[in-house]
Amino acid sequence: MEMPTERRKNYDGIEVEILGETYEPGKPEPEGEGNWQRKLQTREEIEKYLRYAERYWYSTEWYGSEKRKTPA
C-alpha cells in the first residue's frame, strides 16, 4: 500500500518528505469504547482479564522498559 507523503521544510529550512494523512475516512464509534465489562461475556473471560490486570500491577515479573532495577 502506498503511503501518502508531503514535502515540508523542517526547522533548519531543509525540505523533507513526511507522511501525509493516514487515517481512514469516517466517524469513530465510541459505543462501548473502554468498557471491558461489555466486551467480556462469560465469567471465565472476566476472571482471566482481572488475573492478567492484577499480574501487570502487582507482579515482580515485569518485562522490557517497565522492569525496575530496585523494587519499590
PDB file of N, CA and C in Angstrom:
ATOM      1  N   MET A   1       0.839  -1.182   0.000  1.00  0.00           N
ATOM      2  CA  MET A   1       0.000   0.000   0.000  1.00  0.00           C
ATOM      3  C   MET A   1       0.882   1.242   0.000  1.00  0.00           C
ATOM      4  N   GLU A   2       0.599   2.124  -0.858  1.00  0.00           N
ATOM      5  CA  GLU A   2       1.351   3.369  -0.987  1.00  0.00           C
ATOM      6  C   GLU A   2       0.886   4.360   0.076  1.00  0.00           C
ATOM      7  N   MET A   3       1.832   4.870   0.864  1.00  0.00           N
ATOM      8  CA  MET A   3       1.513   5.835   1.917  1.00  0.00           C
ATOM      9  C   MET A   3       1.603   7.246   1.337  1.00  0.00           C
ATOM     10  N   PRO A   4       0.622   8.106   1.626  1.00  0.00           N
ATOM     11  CA  PRO A   4       0.681   9.482   1.122  1.00  0.00           C
ATOM     12  C   PRO A   4       1.780  10.276   1.830  1.00  0.00           C
ATOM     13  N   THR A   5       2.513  11.056   1.072  1.00  0.00           N
ATOM     14  CA  THR A   5       3.591  11.861   1.647  1.00  0.00           C
ATOM     15  C   THR A   5       3.436  13.312   1.228  1.00  0.00           C
ATOM     16  N   GLU A   6       4.044  14.201   2.026  1.00  0.00           N
ATOM     17  CA  GLU A   6       4.040  15.633   1.736  1.00  0.00           C
ATOM     18  C   GLU A   6       5.465  16.149   1.862  1.00  0.00           C
ATOM     19  N   ARG A   7       5.769  17.205   1.144  1.00  0.00           N
ATOM     20  CA  ARG A   7       7.083  17.838   1.247  1.00  0.00           C
ATOM     21  C   ARG A   7       6.928  19.113   2.052  1.00  0.00           C
ATOM     22  N   ARG A   8       7.708  19.211   3.150  1.00  0.00           N
ATOM     23  CA  ARG A   8       7.670  20.383   4.023  1.00  0.00           C
ATOM     24  C   ARG A   8       9.091  20.788   4.395  1.00  0.00           C
ATOM     25  N   LYS A   9       9.223  22.005   4.912  1.00  0.00           N
ATOM     26  CA  LYS A   9      10.526  22.461   5.389  1.00  0.00           C
ATOM     27  C   LYS A   9      10.614  22.201   6.883  1.00  0.00           C
ATOM     28  N   ASN A  10      11.777  21.689   7.323  1.00  0.00           N
ATOM     29  CA  ASN A  10      11.970  21.472   8.752  1.00  0.00           C
ATOM     30  C   ASN A  10      12.485  22.754   9.394  1.00  0.00           C
ATOM     31  N   TYR A  11      12.901  22.690  10.649  1.00  0.00           N
ATOM     32  CA  TYR A  11      13.328  23.880  11.379  1.00  0.00           C
ATOM     33  C   TYR A  11      14.593  24.525  10.810  1.00  0.00           C
ATOM     34  N   ASP A  12      15.396  23.733  10.134  1.00  0.00           N
ATOM     35  CA  ASP A  12      16.619  24.264   9.525  1.00  0.00           C
ATOM     36  C   ASP A  12      16.378  24.851   8.141  1.00  0.00           C
ATOM     37  N   GLY A  13      15.162  24.709   7.622  1.00  0.00           N
ATOM     38  CA  GLY A  13      14.858  25.211   6.288  1.00  0.00           C
ATOM     39  C   GLY A  13      15.101  24.186   5.205  1.00  0.00           C
ATOM     40  N   ILE A  14      15.504  22.983   5.561  1.00  0.00           N
ATOM     41  CA  ILE A  14      15.745  21.920   4.591  1.00  0.00           C
ATOM     42  C   ILE A  14      14.411  21.249   4.265  1.00  0.00           C
ATOM     43  N   GLU A  15      14.166  21.011   3.001  1.00  0.00           N
ATOM     44  CA  GLU A  15      12.923  20.380   2.589  1.00  0.00           C
ATOM     45  C   GLU A  15      13.012  18.873   2.821  1.00  0.00           C
ATOM     46  N   VAL A  16      12.010  18.334   3.536  1.00  0.00           N
ATOM     47  CA  VAL A  16      11.977  16.906   3.856  1.00  0.00           C
ATOM     48  C   VAL A  16      10.629  16.337   3.450  1.00  0.00           C
ATOM     49  N   GLU A  17      10.587  15.026   3.342  1.00  0.00           N
ATOM     50  CA  GLU A  17       9.355  14.336   2.975  1.00  0.00           C
ATOM     51  C   GLU A  17       8.777  13.690   4.236  1.00  0.00           C
ATOM     52  N   ILE A  18       7.515  13.987   4.533  1.00  0.00           N
ATOM     53  CA  ILE A  18       6.864  13.436   5.726  1.00  0.00           C
ATOM     54  C   ILE A  18       5.595  12.703   5.311  1.00  0.00           C
ATOM     55  N   LEU A  19       5.077  11.888   6.237  1.00  0.00           N
ATOM     56  CA  LEU A  19       3.830  11.177   5.966  1.00  0.00           C
ATOM     57  C   LEU A  19       2.671  12.151   5.942  1.00  0.00           C
ATOM     58  N   GLY A  20       1.737  11.907   5.044  1.00  0.00           N
ATOM     59  CA  GLY A  20       0.528  12.709   4.968  1.00  0.00           C
ATOM     60  C   GLY A  20      -0.561  12.098   5.842  1.00  0.00           C
ATOM     61  N   GLU A  21      -1.795  12.340   5.472  1.00  0.00           N
ATOM     62  CA  GLU A  21      -2.922  11.819   6.225  1.00  0.00           C
ATOM     63  C   GLU A  21      -3.017  10.304   6.019  1.00  0.00           C
ATOM     64  N   THR A  22      -2.981   9.555   7.113  1.00  0.00           N
ATOM     65  CA  THR A  22      -3.023   8.096   7.018  1.00  0.00           C
ATOM     66  C   THR A  22      -4.259   7.499   7.678  1.00  0.00           C
ATOM     67  N   TYR A  23      -5.155   8.343   8.147  1.00  0.00           N
ATOM     68  CA  TYR A  23      -6.343   7.835   8.826  1.00  0.00           C
ATOM     69  C   TYR A  23      -7.396   7.397   7.811  1.00  0.00           C
ATOM     70  N   GLU A  24      -8.313   6.547   8.275  1.00  0.00           N
ATOM     71  CA  GLU A  24      -9.397   6.101   7.415  1.00  0.00           C
ATOM     72  C   GLU A  24     -10.554   7.091   7.518  1.00  0.00           C
ATOM     73  N   PRO A  25     -11.211   7.392   6.417  1.00  0.00           N
ATOM     74  CA  PRO A  25     -12.323   8.335   6.475  1.00  0.00           C
ATOM     75  C   PRO A  25     -13.500   7.751   7.262  1.00  0.00           C
ATOM     76  N   GLY A  26     -14.286   8.626   7.851  1.00  0.00           N
ATOM     77  CA  GLY A  26     -15.459   8.201   8.604  1.00  0.00           C
ATOM     78  C   GLY A  26     -15.417   8.737  10.022  1.00  0.00           C
ATOM     79  N   LYS A  27     -16.436   8.395  10.800  1.00  0.00           N
ATOM     80  CA  LYS A  27     -16.519   8.839  12.186  1.00  0.00           C
ATOM     81  C   LYS A  27     -16.228   7.672  13.106  1.00  0.00           C
ATOM     82  N   PRO A  28     -15.536   7.910  14.225  1.00  0.00           N
ATOM     83  CA  PRO A  28     -15.319   6.835  15.185  1.00  0.00           C
ATOM     84  C   PRO A  28     -16.616   6.493  15.908  1.00  0.00           C
ATOM     85  N   GLU A  29     -16.725   5.250  16.311  1.00  0.00           N
ATOM     86  CA  GLU A  29     -17.911   4.812  17.033  1.00  0.00           C
ATOM     87  C   GLU A  29     -17.531   4.582  18.493  1.00  0.00           C
ATOM     88  N   PRO A  30     -17.818   5.556  19.362  1.00  0.00           N
ATOM     89  CA  PRO A  30     -17.392   5.428  20.760  1.00  0.00           C
ATOM     90  C   PRO A  30     -18.254   4.480  21.577  1.00  0.00           C
ATOM     91  N   GLU A  31     -19.249   3.857  20.991  1.00  0.00           N
ATOM     92  CA  GLU A  31     -20.117   2.935  21.707  1.00  0.00           C
ATOM     93  C   GLU A  31     -19.313   1.774  22.275  1.00  0.00           C
ATOM     94  N   GLY A  32     -19.208   1.712  23.568  1.00  0.00           N
ATOM     95  CA  GLY A  32     -18.522   0.602  24.217  1.00  0.00           C
ATOM     96  C   GLY A  32     -17.021   0.737  24.298  1.00  0.00           C
ATOM     97  N   GLU A  33     -16.450   1.857  23.865  1.00  0.00           N
ATOM     98  CA  GLU A  33     -15.005   2.030  23.945  1.00  0.00           C
ATOM     99  C   GLU A  33     -14.564   2.079  25.395  1.00  0.00           C
ATOM    100  N   GLY A  34     -13.615   1.257  25.760  1.00  0.00           N
ATOM    101  CA  GLY A  34     -13.093   1.253  27.114  1.00  0.00           C
ATOM    102  C   GLY A  34     -13.985   0.541  28.119  1.00  0.00           C
ATOM    103  N   ASN A  35     -15.102   0.011  27.696  1.00  0.00           N
ATOM    104  CA  ASN A  35     -15.996  -0.698  28.609  1.00  0.00           C
ATOM    105  C   ASN A  35     -15.695  -2.182  28.524  1.00  0.00           C
ATOM    106  N   TRP A  36     -14.754  -2.652  29.343  1.00  0.00           N
ATOM    107  CA  TRP A  36     -14.310  -4.044  29.262  1.00  0.00           C
ATOM    108  C   TRP A  36     -15.390  -5.003  29.715  1.00  0.00           C
ATOM    109  N   GLN A  37     -16.308  -4.572  30.574  1.00  0.00           N
ATOM    110  CA  GLN A  37     -17.352  -5.472  31.054  1.00  0.00           C
ATOM    111  C   GLN A  37     -18.310  -5.846  29.928  1.00  0.00           C
ATOM    112  N   ARG A  38     -18.546  -4.936  29.000  1.00  0.00           N
ATOM    113  CA  ARG A  38     -19.452  -5.237  27.894  1.00  0.00           C
ATOM    114  C   ARG A  38     -18.806  -6.194  26.894  1.00  0.00           C
ATOM    115  N   LYS A  39     -17.481  -6.109  26.746  1.00  0.00           N
ATOM    116  CA  LYS A  39     -16.786  -6.950  25.777  1.00  0.00           C
ATOM    117  C   LYS A  39     -16.654  -8.395  26.240  1.00  0.00           C
ATOM    118  N   LEU A  40     -16.567  -8.609  27.569  1.00  0.00           N
ATOM    119  CA  LEU A  40     -16.384  -9.942  28.116  1.00  0.00           C
ATOM    120  C   LEU A  40     -17.738 -10.540  28.468  1.00  0.00           C
ATOM    121  N   GLN A  41     -18.010 -11.719  27.941  1.00  0.00           N
ATOM    122  CA  GLN A  41     -19.335 -12.297  28.083  1.00  0.00           C
ATOM    123  C   GLN A  41     -19.423 -13.309  29.228  1.00  0.00           C
ATOM    124  N   THR A  42     -18.437 -14.174  29.358  1.00  0.00           N
ATOM    125  CA  THR A  42     -18.540 -15.243  30.348  1.00  0.00           C
ATOM    126  C   THR A  42     -17.744 -14.903  31.603  1.00  0.00           C
ATOM    127  N   ARG A  43     -18.042 -15.611  32.677  1.00  0.00           N
ATOM    128  CA  ARG A  43     -17.339 -15.410  33.945  1.00  0.00           C
ATOM    129  C   ARG A  43     -15.855 -15.753  33.809  1.00  0.00           C
ATOM    130  N   GLU A  44     -15.537 -16.778  33.026  1.00  0.00           N
ATOM    131  CA  GLU A  44     -14.141 -17.177  32.830  1.00  0.00           C
ATOM    132  C   GLU A  44     -13.346 -16.077  32.135  1.00  0.00           C
ATOM    133  N   GLU A  45     -13.945 -15.430  31.137  1.00  0.00           N
ATOM    134  CA  GLU A  45     -13.263 -14.340  30.438  1.00  0.00           C
ATOM    135  C   GLU A  45     -13.000 -13.171  31.380  1.00  0.00           C
ATOM    136  N   ILE A  46     -13.954 -12.855  32.247  1.00  0.00           N
ATOM    137  CA  ILE A  46     -13.788 -11.761  33.206  1.00  0.00           C
ATOM    138  C   ILE A  46     -12.681 -12.088  34.200  1.00  0.00           C
ATOM    139  N   GLU A  47     -12.680 -13.320  34.723  1.00  0.00           N
ATOM    140  CA  GLU A  47     -11.642 -13.730  35.667  1.00  0.00           C
ATOM    141  C   GLU A  47     -10.258 -13.693  35.020  1.00  0.00           C
ATOM    142  N   LYS A  48     -10.157 -14.138  33.779  1.00  0.00           N
ATOM    143  CA  LYS A  48      -8.878 -14.123  33.065  1.00  0.00           C
ATOM    144  C   LYS A  48      -8.388 -12.690  32.881  1.00  0.00           C
ATOM    145  N   TYR A  49      -9.288 -11.786  32.510  1.00  0.00           N
ATOM    146  CA  TYR A  49      -8.932 -10.374  32.330  1.00  0.00           C
ATOM    147  C   TYR A  49      -8.413  -9.785  33.631  1.00  0.00           C
ATOM    148  N   LEU A  50      -9.136 -10.010  34.724  1.00  0.00           N
ATOM    149  CA  LEU A  50      -8.736  -9.457  36.011  1.00  0.00           C
ATOM    150  C   LEU A  50      -7.435 -10.072  36.518  1.00  0.00           C
ATOM    151  N   ARG A  51      -7.227 -11.361  36.277  1.00  0.00           N
ATOM    152  CA  ARG A  51      -5.999 -12.029  36.705  1.00  0.00           C
ATOM    153  C   ARG A  51      -4.791 -11.410  36.020  1.00  0.00           C
ATOM    154  N   TYR A  52      -4.901 -11.163  34.707  1.00  0.00           N
ATOM    155  CA  TYR A  52      -3.781 -10.567  33.982  1.00  0.00           C
ATOM    156  C   TYR A  52      -3.584  -9.106  34.385  1.00  0.00           C
ATOM    157  N   ALA A  53      -4.659  -8.387  34.663  1.00  0.00           N
ATOM    158  CA  ALA A  53      -4.543  -6.992  35.080  1.00  0.00           C
ATOM    159  C   ALA A  53      -3.829  -6.906  36.424  1.00  0.00           C
ATOM    160  N   GLU A  54      -4.175  -7.779  37.364  1.00  0.00           N
ATOM    161  CA  GLU A  54      -3.512  -7.785  38.664  1.00  0.00           C
ATOM    162  C   GLU A  54      -2.058  -8.204  38.531  1.00  0.00           C
ATOM    163  N   ARG A  55      -1.785  -9.135  37.645  1.00  0.00           N
ATOM    164  CA  ARG A  55      -0.406  -9.566  37.436  1.00  0.00           C
ATOM    165  C   ARG A  55       0.433  -8.406  36.916  1.00  0.00           C
ATOM    166  N   TYR A  56      -0.144  -7.603  36.039  1.00  0.00           N
ATOM    167  CA  TYR A  56       0.575  -6.452  35.497  1.00  0.00           C
ATOM    168  C   TYR A  56       0.946  -5.477  36.611  1.00  0.00           C
ATOM    169  N   TRP A  57       0.019  -5.199  37.516  1.00  0.00           N
ATOM    170  CA  TRP A  57       0.262  -4.184  38.541  1.00  0.00           C
ATOM    171  C   TRP A  57       1.039  -4.689  39.737  1.00  0.00           C
ATOM    172  N   TYR A  58       0.845  -5.953  40.151  1.00  0.00           N
ATOM    173  CA  TYR A  58       1.393  -6.417  41.423  1.00  0.00           C
ATOM    174  C   TYR A  58       2.492  -7.466  41.304  1.00  0.00           C
ATOM    175  N   SER A  59       2.811  -7.921  40.127  1.00  0.00           N
ATOM    176  CA  SER A  59       3.808  -8.970  39.960  1.00  0.00           C
ATOM    177  C   SER A  59       5.225  -8.408  39.949  1.00  0.00           C
ATOM    178  N   THR A  60       6.188  -9.269  40.259  1.00  0.00           N
ATOM    179  CA  THR A  60       7.592  -8.884  40.146  1.00  0.00           C
ATOM    180  C   THR A  60       8.170  -9.329  38.809  1.00  0.00           C
ATOM    181  N   GLU A  61       7.369  -9.973  37.956  1.00  0.00           N
ATOM    182  CA  GLU A  61       7.818 -10.483  36.655  1.00  0.00           C
ATOM    183  C   GLU A  61       7.520  -9.482  35.545  1.00  0.00           C
ATOM    184  N   TRP A  62       8.043  -8.287  35.615  1.00  0.00           N
ATOM    185  CA  TRP A  62       7.786  -7.286  34.595  1.00  0.00           C
ATOM    186  C   TRP A  62       8.806  -7.422  33.474  1.00  0.00           C
ATOM    187  N   TYR A  63       8.452  -6.944  32.294  1.00  0.00           N
ATOM    188  CA  TYR A  63       9.290  -7.121  31.123  1.00  0.00           C
ATOM    189  C   TYR A  63       9.624  -5.785  30.478  1.00  0.00           C
ATOM    190  N   GLY A  64      10.699  -5.785  29.731  1.00  0.00           N
ATOM    191  CA  GLY A  64      11.053  -4.645  28.903  1.00  0.00           C
ATOM    192  C   GLY A  64      11.411  -3.399  29.688  1.00  0.00           C
ATOM    193  N   SER A  65      10.957  -2.257  29.207  1.00  0.00           N
ATOM    194  CA  SER A  65      11.316  -0.987  29.816  1.00  0.00           C
ATOM    195  C   SER A  65      10.641  -0.780  31.154  1.00  0.00           C
ATOM    196  N   GLU A  66       9.637  -1.603  31.483  1.00  0.00           N
ATOM    197  CA  GLU A  66       8.924  -1.433  32.741  1.00  0.00           C
ATOM    198  C   GLU A  66       9.674  -2.050  33.914  1.00  0.00           C
ATOM    199  N   LYS A  67      10.670  -2.859  33.646  1.00  0.00           N
ATOM    200  CA  LYS A  67      11.367  -3.564  34.716  1.00  0.00           C
ATOM    201  C   LYS A  67      12.243  -2.597  35.528  1.00  0.00           C
ATOM    202  N   ARG A  68      12.073  -2.618  36.846  1.00  0.00           N
ATOM    203  CA  ARG A  68      12.857  -1.765  37.727  1.00  0.00           C
ATOM    204  C   ARG A  68      14.083  -2.511  38.203  1.00  0.00           C
ATOM    205  N   LYS A  69      15.164  -1.793  38.413  1.00  0.00           N
ATOM    206  CA  LYS A  69      16.379  -2.412  38.937  1.00  0.00           C
ATOM    207  C   LYS A  69      16.239  -2.691  40.422  1.00  0.00           C
ATOM    208  N   THR A  70      15.539  -1.792  41.122  1.00  0.00           N
ATOM    209  CA  THR A  70      15.294  -1.994  42.555  1.00  0.00           C
ATOM    210  C   THR A  70      13.788  -1.953  42.779  1.00  0.00           C
ATOM    211  N   PRO A  71      13.240  -2.888  43.557  1.00  0.00           N
ATOM    212  CA  PRO A  71      11.796  -2.884  43.785  1.00  0.00           C
ATOM    213  C   PRO A  71      11.375  -1.658  44.580  1.00  0.00           C
ATOM    214  N   ALA A  72      10.178  -1.216  44.343  1.00  0.00           N
ATOM    215  CA  ALA A  72       9.655  -0.013  45.014  1.00  0.00           C
ATOM    216  C   ALA A  72       9.395  -0.274  46.494  1.00  0.00           C
TER     217      ALA A  72
END
